[in-house]
């Protein structure tokens, strides 16, 4: 099972999120990041300048379990809030990326989703949704 169409549409409609990792000593780190949903691999790909030198890249080498959140407010109050949390395993990789954006390094963090938790993402199923995904 992979992400459904509503969750993919939400991810592709946004390009900033927050990545939570654990440092080698176990302390948490939460950083804003740019990302792209990769339909070819069904992953979240996070790129940046000198990614391989960043704390988050070192963190996933020590602790590959991560949480990634994208959220926004489409209206007022709780009914207008939306979020998608993806829990999964991350890896540092150098994919074949022709047409890489200028200024971005070759290394990326690639998140393989294992669980999703969302609020008001699917208009057909408003409210809280949670499910595990197959590896």
N, C-alpha and C. Protein backbone atom coordinates (compact mmCIF):
# COMPACT_ATOMS: atom_id res chain seq x y z
N UNK A 1 0.85 -1.18 0.00
CA UNK A 1 0.00 0.00 0.00
C UNK A 1 0.90 1.24 0.00
N UNK A 2 0.53 2.21 -0.79
CA UNK A 2 1.30 3.45 -0.88
C UNK A 2 0.39 4.63 -0.51
N UNK A 3 0.93 5.82 -0.62
CA UNK A 3 0.11 7.02 -0.38
C UNK A 3 -1.03 7.05 -1.39
N UNK A 4 -2.19 7.51 -0.95
CA UNK A 4 -3.32 7.60 -1.87
C UNK A 4 -3.29 8.93 -2.62
N UNK A 5 -4.19 9.08 -3.57
CA UNK A 5 -4.20 10.25 -4.45
C UNK A 5 -4.36 11.57 -3.69
N UNK A 6 -5.20 11.60 -2.65
CA UNK A 6 -5.41 12.84 -1.89
C UNK A 6 -4.13 13.26 -1.16
N UNK A 7 -3.41 12.31 -0.59
CA UNK A 7 -2.17 12.63 0.12
C UNK A 7 -1.07 13.05 -0.85
N UNK A 8 -1.00 12.39 -1.99
CA UNK A 8 -0.01 12.77 -3.00
C UNK A 8 -0.32 14.17 -3.52
N UNK A 9 -1.58 14.48 -3.77
CA UNK A 9 -1.95 15.82 -4.24
C UNK A 9 -1.55 16.88 -3.22
N UNK A 10 -1.77 16.59 -1.95
CA UNK A 10 -1.39 17.56 -0.91
C UNK A 10 0.12 17.75 -0.89
N UNK A 11 0.87 16.67 -0.95
CA UNK A 11 2.34 16.78 -0.96
C UNK A 11 2.85 17.55 -2.17
N UNK A 12 2.31 17.27 -3.33
CA UNK A 12 2.80 17.93 -4.55
C UNK A 12 2.35 19.39 -4.62
N UNK A 13 1.35 19.74 -3.84
CA UNK A 13 0.88 21.13 -3.80
C UNK A 13 1.66 22.00 -2.83
N UNK A 14 2.59 21.42 -2.11
CA UNK A 14 3.43 22.14 -1.15
C UNK A 14 4.89 21.78 -1.41
N UNK A 15 5.79 22.59 -0.89
CA UNK A 15 7.21 22.28 -1.12
C UNK A 15 8.08 22.55 0.11
N UNK A 16 7.45 22.87 1.24
CA UNK A 16 8.18 23.07 2.48
C UNK A 16 7.54 22.26 3.59
N UNK A 17 8.38 21.65 4.40
CA UNK A 17 7.91 20.87 5.53
C UNK A 17 8.94 20.92 6.63
N UNK A 18 8.74 20.09 7.64
CA UNK A 18 9.68 20.00 8.75
C UNK A 18 10.09 18.56 8.94
N UNK A 19 11.40 18.36 9.06
CA UNK A 19 11.97 17.03 9.23
C UNK A 19 12.48 16.88 10.65
N UNK A 20 11.97 15.89 11.36
CA UNK A 20 12.42 15.58 12.72
C UNK A 20 13.34 14.35 12.67
N UNK A 21 14.53 14.52 13.23
CA UNK A 21 15.53 13.44 13.29
C UNK A 21 16.06 13.36 14.71
N UNK A 22 16.83 12.30 14.97
CA UNK A 22 17.53 12.16 16.23
C UNK A 22 19.03 12.19 15.97
N UNK A 23 19.73 13.01 16.76
CA UNK A 23 21.18 13.09 16.66
C UNK A 23 21.79 11.79 17.18
N UNK A 24 23.07 11.54 16.87
CA UNK A 24 23.71 10.32 17.37
C UNK A 24 23.61 10.15 18.89
N UNK A 25 23.56 11.27 19.64
CA UNK A 25 23.45 11.16 21.11
C UNK A 25 22.00 11.05 21.57
N UNK A 26 21.04 11.01 20.63
CA UNK A 26 19.63 10.83 20.96
C UNK A 26 18.83 12.11 21.13
N UNK A 27 19.48 13.27 21.02
CA UNK A 27 18.72 14.52 21.14
C UNK A 27 17.96 14.79 19.84
N UNK A 28 16.74 15.34 19.94
CA UNK A 28 15.94 15.58 18.74
C UNK A 28 16.36 16.84 18.00
N UNK A 29 16.14 16.83 16.72
CA UNK A 29 16.36 18.00 15.87
C UNK A 29 15.16 18.10 14.94
N UNK A 30 14.62 19.29 14.77
CA UNK A 30 13.50 19.52 13.87
C UNK A 30 13.85 20.73 13.01
N UNK A 31 13.92 20.54 11.70
CA UNK A 31 14.37 21.59 10.79
C UNK A 31 13.39 21.80 9.65
N UNK A 32 13.18 23.05 9.24
CA UNK A 32 12.41 23.30 8.02
C UNK A 32 13.23 22.89 6.81
N UNK A 33 12.57 22.26 5.84
CA UNK A 33 13.27 21.77 4.65
C UNK A 33 12.39 21.95 3.42
N UNK A 34 13.03 22.05 2.28
CA UNK A 34 12.34 21.97 1.01
C UNK A 34 12.32 20.50 0.58
N UNK A 35 11.32 20.10 -0.16
CA UNK A 35 11.20 18.70 -0.56
C UNK A 35 10.46 18.59 -1.88
N UNK A 36 10.50 17.40 -2.42
CA UNK A 36 9.70 17.02 -3.58
C UNK A 36 9.19 15.61 -3.35
N UNK A 37 7.93 15.37 -3.73
CA UNK A 37 7.43 14.00 -3.74
C UNK A 37 7.95 13.36 -5.02
N UNK A 38 8.54 12.17 -4.91
CA UNK A 38 9.10 11.46 -6.05
C UNK A 38 8.16 10.32 -6.42
N UNK A 39 7.35 10.48 -7.48
CA UNK A 39 6.40 9.43 -7.83
C UNK A 39 7.07 8.15 -8.33
N UNK A 40 8.27 8.26 -8.87
CA UNK A 40 8.98 7.08 -9.36
C UNK A 40 9.40 6.12 -8.26
N UNK A 41 9.70 6.67 -7.09
CA UNK A 41 10.13 5.84 -5.96
C UNK A 41 9.12 5.87 -4.81
N UNK A 42 8.06 6.68 -4.94
CA UNK A 42 7.04 6.86 -3.89
C UNK A 42 7.70 7.31 -2.58
N UNK A 43 8.64 8.25 -2.70
CA UNK A 43 9.39 8.74 -1.55
C UNK A 43 9.31 10.26 -1.47
N UNK A 44 9.74 10.77 -0.32
CA UNK A 44 9.92 12.20 -0.13
C UNK A 44 11.40 12.45 -0.26
N UNK A 45 11.80 13.31 -1.19
CA UNK A 45 13.21 13.62 -1.42
C UNK A 45 13.51 15.04 -0.94
N UNK A 46 14.50 15.15 -0.06
CA UNK A 46 14.88 16.43 0.52
C UNK A 46 16.29 16.76 0.05
N UNK A 47 16.43 17.89 -0.63
CA UNK A 47 17.72 18.31 -1.16
C UNK A 47 18.15 19.61 -0.48
N UNK A 48 19.40 19.96 -0.66
CA UNK A 48 19.92 21.20 -0.10
C UNK A 48 21.37 21.41 -0.49
N UNK A 49 21.90 22.54 -0.08
CA UNK A 49 23.31 22.82 -0.33
C UNK A 49 24.15 22.02 0.66
N UNK A 50 25.16 21.35 0.18
CA UNK A 50 26.07 20.59 1.03
C UNK A 50 25.31 19.67 2.00
N UNK A 51 24.28 19.02 1.51
CA UNK A 51 23.43 18.17 2.36
C UNK A 51 24.26 17.15 3.14
N UNK A 52 25.27 16.57 2.50
CA UNK A 52 26.06 15.52 3.15
C UNK A 52 26.85 16.03 4.35
N UNK A 53 26.96 17.35 4.50
CA UNK A 53 27.67 17.94 5.64
C UNK A 53 26.71 18.40 6.74
N UNK A 54 25.42 18.25 6.54
CA UNK A 54 24.43 18.77 7.49
C UNK A 54 24.23 17.81 8.67
N UNK A 55 23.77 18.38 9.78
CA UNK A 55 23.47 17.56 10.96
C UNK A 55 22.36 16.56 10.65
N UNK A 56 21.33 16.96 9.90
CA UNK A 56 20.24 16.04 9.62
C UNK A 56 20.72 14.84 8.80
N UNK A 57 21.68 15.04 7.92
CA UNK A 57 22.23 13.94 7.12
C UNK A 57 23.00 12.98 8.02
N UNK A 58 23.80 13.53 8.92
CA UNK A 58 24.53 12.69 9.89
C UNK A 58 23.55 11.98 10.82
N UNK A 59 22.49 12.69 11.20
CA UNK A 59 21.50 12.09 12.11
C UNK A 59 20.85 10.84 11.51
N UNK A 60 20.47 10.90 10.25
CA UNK A 60 19.79 9.74 9.66
C UNK A 60 20.74 8.56 9.47
N UNK A 61 22.04 8.84 9.39
CA UNK A 61 23.01 7.74 9.32
C UNK A 61 23.02 6.97 10.64
N UNK A 62 22.84 7.69 11.75
CA UNK A 62 22.84 7.06 13.08
C UNK A 62 21.46 6.51 13.46
N UNK A 63 20.41 7.26 13.11
CA UNK A 63 19.03 6.90 13.46
C UNK A 63 18.15 7.16 12.24
N UNK A 64 17.90 6.16 11.40
CA UNK A 64 17.15 6.41 10.16
C UNK A 64 15.65 6.62 10.32
N UNK A 65 15.09 6.38 11.50
CA UNK A 65 13.66 6.63 11.69
C UNK A 65 13.42 8.13 11.83
N UNK A 66 12.49 8.67 11.03
CA UNK A 66 12.23 10.10 11.00
C UNK A 66 10.72 10.36 10.98
N UNK A 67 10.38 11.62 11.26
CA UNK A 67 9.01 12.10 11.06
C UNK A 67 9.11 13.36 10.20
N UNK A 68 8.20 13.48 9.26
CA UNK A 68 8.18 14.61 8.34
C UNK A 68 6.76 15.17 8.32
N UNK A 69 6.62 16.49 8.49
CA UNK A 69 5.30 17.12 8.57
C UNK A 69 5.17 18.25 7.56
N UNK A 70 4.03 18.29 6.89
CA UNK A 70 3.62 19.40 6.04
C UNK A 70 2.25 19.82 6.56
N UNK A 71 2.06 21.14 6.76
CA UNK A 71 0.77 21.61 7.25
C UNK A 71 0.44 22.97 6.69
N UNK A 72 -0.83 23.33 6.79
CA UNK A 72 -1.28 24.66 6.38
C UNK A 72 -2.66 24.92 6.98
N UNK A 73 -3.14 26.13 6.79
CA UNK A 73 -4.47 26.52 7.24
C UNK A 73 -5.28 26.91 6.02
N UNK A 74 -6.28 26.12 5.69
CA UNK A 74 -7.13 26.40 4.53
C UNK A 74 -8.36 27.20 4.93
N UNK A 75 -8.56 27.39 6.23
CA UNK A 75 -9.72 28.12 6.73
C UNK A 75 -9.53 28.41 8.21
N UNK A 76 -10.56 28.87 8.86
CA UNK A 76 -10.48 29.24 10.28
C UNK A 76 -10.76 28.05 11.19
N UNK A 77 -10.18 28.10 12.37
CA UNK A 77 -10.43 27.09 13.39
C UNK A 77 -9.89 25.72 13.03
N UNK A 78 -10.23 24.74 13.86
CA UNK A 78 -9.74 23.38 13.65
C UNK A 78 -10.21 22.80 12.32
N UNK A 79 -11.40 23.16 11.89
CA UNK A 79 -11.92 22.64 10.62
C UNK A 79 -11.09 23.13 9.43
N UNK A 80 -10.43 24.25 9.57
CA UNK A 80 -9.62 24.79 8.48
C UNK A 80 -8.17 24.34 8.48
N UNK A 81 -7.77 23.66 9.53
CA UNK A 81 -6.39 23.19 9.62
C UNK A 81 -6.21 21.89 8.84
N UNK A 82 -5.02 21.74 8.26
CA UNK A 82 -4.67 20.51 7.55
C UNK A 82 -3.23 20.16 7.90
N UNK A 83 -2.96 18.87 8.04
CA UNK A 83 -1.57 18.43 8.19
C UNK A 83 -1.42 17.01 7.70
N UNK A 84 -0.20 16.70 7.32
CA UNK A 84 0.18 15.35 6.92
C UNK A 84 1.50 15.04 7.60
N UNK A 85 1.50 14.03 8.44
CA UNK A 85 2.73 13.55 9.07
C UNK A 85 3.08 12.21 8.43
N UNK A 86 4.32 12.12 8.00
CA UNK A 86 4.82 10.87 7.42
C UNK A 86 5.93 10.37 8.33
N UNK A 87 5.76 9.17 8.82
CA UNK A 87 6.81 8.52 9.59
C UNK A 87 7.42 7.45 8.70
N UNK A 88 8.74 7.37 8.73
CA UNK A 88 9.37 6.39 7.87
C UNK A 88 10.85 6.26 8.13
N UNK A 89 11.49 5.57 7.20
CA UNK A 89 12.94 5.35 7.25
C UNK A 89 13.58 6.25 6.22
N UNK A 90 14.66 6.89 6.63
CA UNK A 90 15.37 7.81 5.73
C UNK A 90 16.72 7.22 5.38
N UNK A 91 17.18 7.60 4.21
CA UNK A 91 18.53 7.22 3.78
C UNK A 91 19.18 8.41 3.09
N UNK A 92 20.48 8.50 3.22
CA UNK A 92 21.24 9.48 2.46
C UNK A 92 21.66 8.82 1.16
N UNK A 93 21.43 9.49 0.06
CA UNK A 93 21.70 8.87 -1.23
C UNK A 93 22.12 9.93 -2.25
N UNK A 94 22.71 9.46 -3.33
CA UNK A 94 23.05 10.33 -4.46
C UNK A 94 22.35 9.74 -5.68
N UNK A 95 21.11 10.16 -5.92
CA UNK A 95 20.37 9.61 -7.06
C UNK A 95 20.80 10.25 -8.37
N UNK A 96 20.43 9.58 -9.44
CA UNK A 96 20.62 10.17 -10.76
C UNK A 96 19.55 11.24 -10.92
N UNK A 97 19.95 12.50 -10.87
CA UNK A 97 18.98 13.61 -10.92
C UNK A 97 19.32 14.56 -12.05
N UNK A 98 19.03 14.19 -13.28
CA UNK A 98 19.27 15.15 -14.36
C UNK A 98 18.40 16.38 -14.16
N UNK A 99 18.92 17.54 -14.48
CA UNK A 99 18.16 18.77 -14.32
C UNK A 99 18.07 19.23 -12.88
N UNK A 100 19.04 18.83 -12.06
CA UNK A 100 19.05 19.26 -10.65
C UNK A 100 19.05 20.77 -10.57
N UNK A 101 18.29 21.29 -9.62
CA UNK A 101 18.17 22.74 -9.47
C UNK A 101 19.53 23.34 -9.13
N UNK A 102 19.86 24.52 -9.69
CA UNK A 102 21.13 25.17 -9.39
C UNK A 102 21.26 25.44 -7.89
N UNK A 103 22.45 25.23 -7.36
CA UNK A 103 22.72 25.49 -5.95
C UNK A 103 22.46 24.31 -5.04
N UNK A 104 21.80 23.27 -5.55
CA UNK A 104 21.54 22.10 -4.71
C UNK A 104 22.62 21.06 -4.94
N UNK A 105 23.05 20.44 -3.85
CA UNK A 105 24.08 19.41 -3.94
C UNK A 105 23.54 18.11 -4.51
N UNK A 106 24.45 17.18 -4.74
CA UNK A 106 24.07 15.89 -5.30
C UNK A 106 23.40 14.98 -4.28
N UNK A 107 23.77 15.11 -3.02
CA UNK A 107 23.21 14.25 -1.97
C UNK A 107 21.80 14.70 -1.58
N UNK A 108 20.96 13.73 -1.28
CA UNK A 108 19.62 14.02 -0.77
C UNK A 108 19.33 13.11 0.42
N UNK A 109 18.29 13.47 1.15
CA UNK A 109 17.70 12.57 2.13
C UNK A 109 16.43 12.04 1.49
N UNK A 110 16.29 10.74 1.45
CA UNK A 110 15.12 10.10 0.84
C UNK A 110 14.34 9.38 1.95
N UNK A 111 13.07 9.76 2.10
CA UNK A 111 12.22 9.16 3.12
C UNK A 111 11.30 8.14 2.47
N UNK A 112 11.32 6.93 3.01
CA UNK A 112 10.44 5.85 2.58
C UNK A 112 9.28 5.79 3.59
N UNK A 113 8.08 6.26 3.20
CA UNK A 113 6.96 6.30 4.15
C UNK A 113 6.55 4.92 4.66
N UNK A 114 6.29 4.85 5.97
CA UNK A 114 5.80 3.63 6.59
C UNK A 114 4.45 3.84 7.28
N UNK A 115 4.21 5.07 7.74
CA UNK A 115 2.94 5.39 8.41
C UNK A 115 2.58 6.83 8.08
N UNK A 116 1.29 7.06 7.85
CA UNK A 116 0.81 8.43 7.64
C UNK A 116 -0.28 8.74 8.65
N UNK A 117 -0.26 9.97 9.11
CA UNK A 117 -1.28 10.50 10.00
C UNK A 117 -1.66 11.84 9.39
N UNK A 118 -2.95 12.07 9.18
CA UNK A 118 -3.34 13.32 8.54
C UNK A 118 -4.63 13.86 9.14
N UNK A 119 -4.84 15.14 8.89
CA UNK A 119 -6.05 15.84 9.34
C UNK A 119 -6.58 16.67 8.18
N UNK A 120 -7.78 16.37 7.75
CA UNK A 120 -8.48 17.14 6.72
C UNK A 120 -7.76 17.21 5.38
N UNK A 121 -7.03 16.17 5.03
CA UNK A 121 -6.34 16.16 3.73
C UNK A 121 -7.26 15.70 2.61
N UNK A 122 -8.05 14.68 2.88
CA UNK A 122 -8.95 14.13 1.87
C UNK A 122 -10.34 14.74 2.05
N UNK A 123 -10.82 15.56 1.10
CA UNK A 123 -12.14 16.17 1.24
C UNK A 123 -13.27 15.15 1.37
N UNK A 124 -13.05 13.95 0.85
CA UNK A 124 -14.05 12.89 0.94
C UNK A 124 -14.08 12.24 2.32
N UNK A 125 -12.99 12.42 3.08
CA UNK A 125 -12.88 11.82 4.41
C UNK A 125 -12.26 12.84 5.36
N UNK A 126 -13.01 13.88 5.76
CA UNK A 126 -12.43 14.90 6.63
C UNK A 126 -12.12 14.35 8.03
N UNK A 127 -11.28 15.09 8.74
CA UNK A 127 -10.91 14.69 10.08
C UNK A 127 -9.62 13.89 10.09
N UNK A 128 -9.43 13.17 11.17
CA UNK A 128 -8.19 12.42 11.41
C UNK A 128 -8.19 11.09 10.66
N UNK A 129 -7.10 10.84 9.97
CA UNK A 129 -6.87 9.58 9.28
C UNK A 129 -5.48 9.08 9.66
N UNK A 130 -5.34 7.78 9.86
CA UNK A 130 -4.03 7.18 10.15
C UNK A 130 -4.00 5.78 9.58
N UNK A 131 -2.86 5.43 8.99
CA UNK A 131 -2.71 4.06 8.48
C UNK A 131 -1.24 3.75 8.27
N UNK A 132 -0.95 2.48 8.37
CA UNK A 132 0.39 1.99 8.09
C UNK A 132 0.50 1.66 6.61
N UNK A 133 1.68 1.85 6.08
CA UNK A 133 1.96 1.53 4.68
C UNK A 133 2.92 0.35 4.64
N UNK A 134 2.84 -0.45 3.62
CA UNK A 134 3.77 -1.58 3.45
C UNK A 134 5.13 -1.04 3.05
N UNK A 135 6.17 -1.73 3.46
CA UNK A 135 7.55 -1.37 3.07
C UNK A 135 7.81 -1.77 1.64
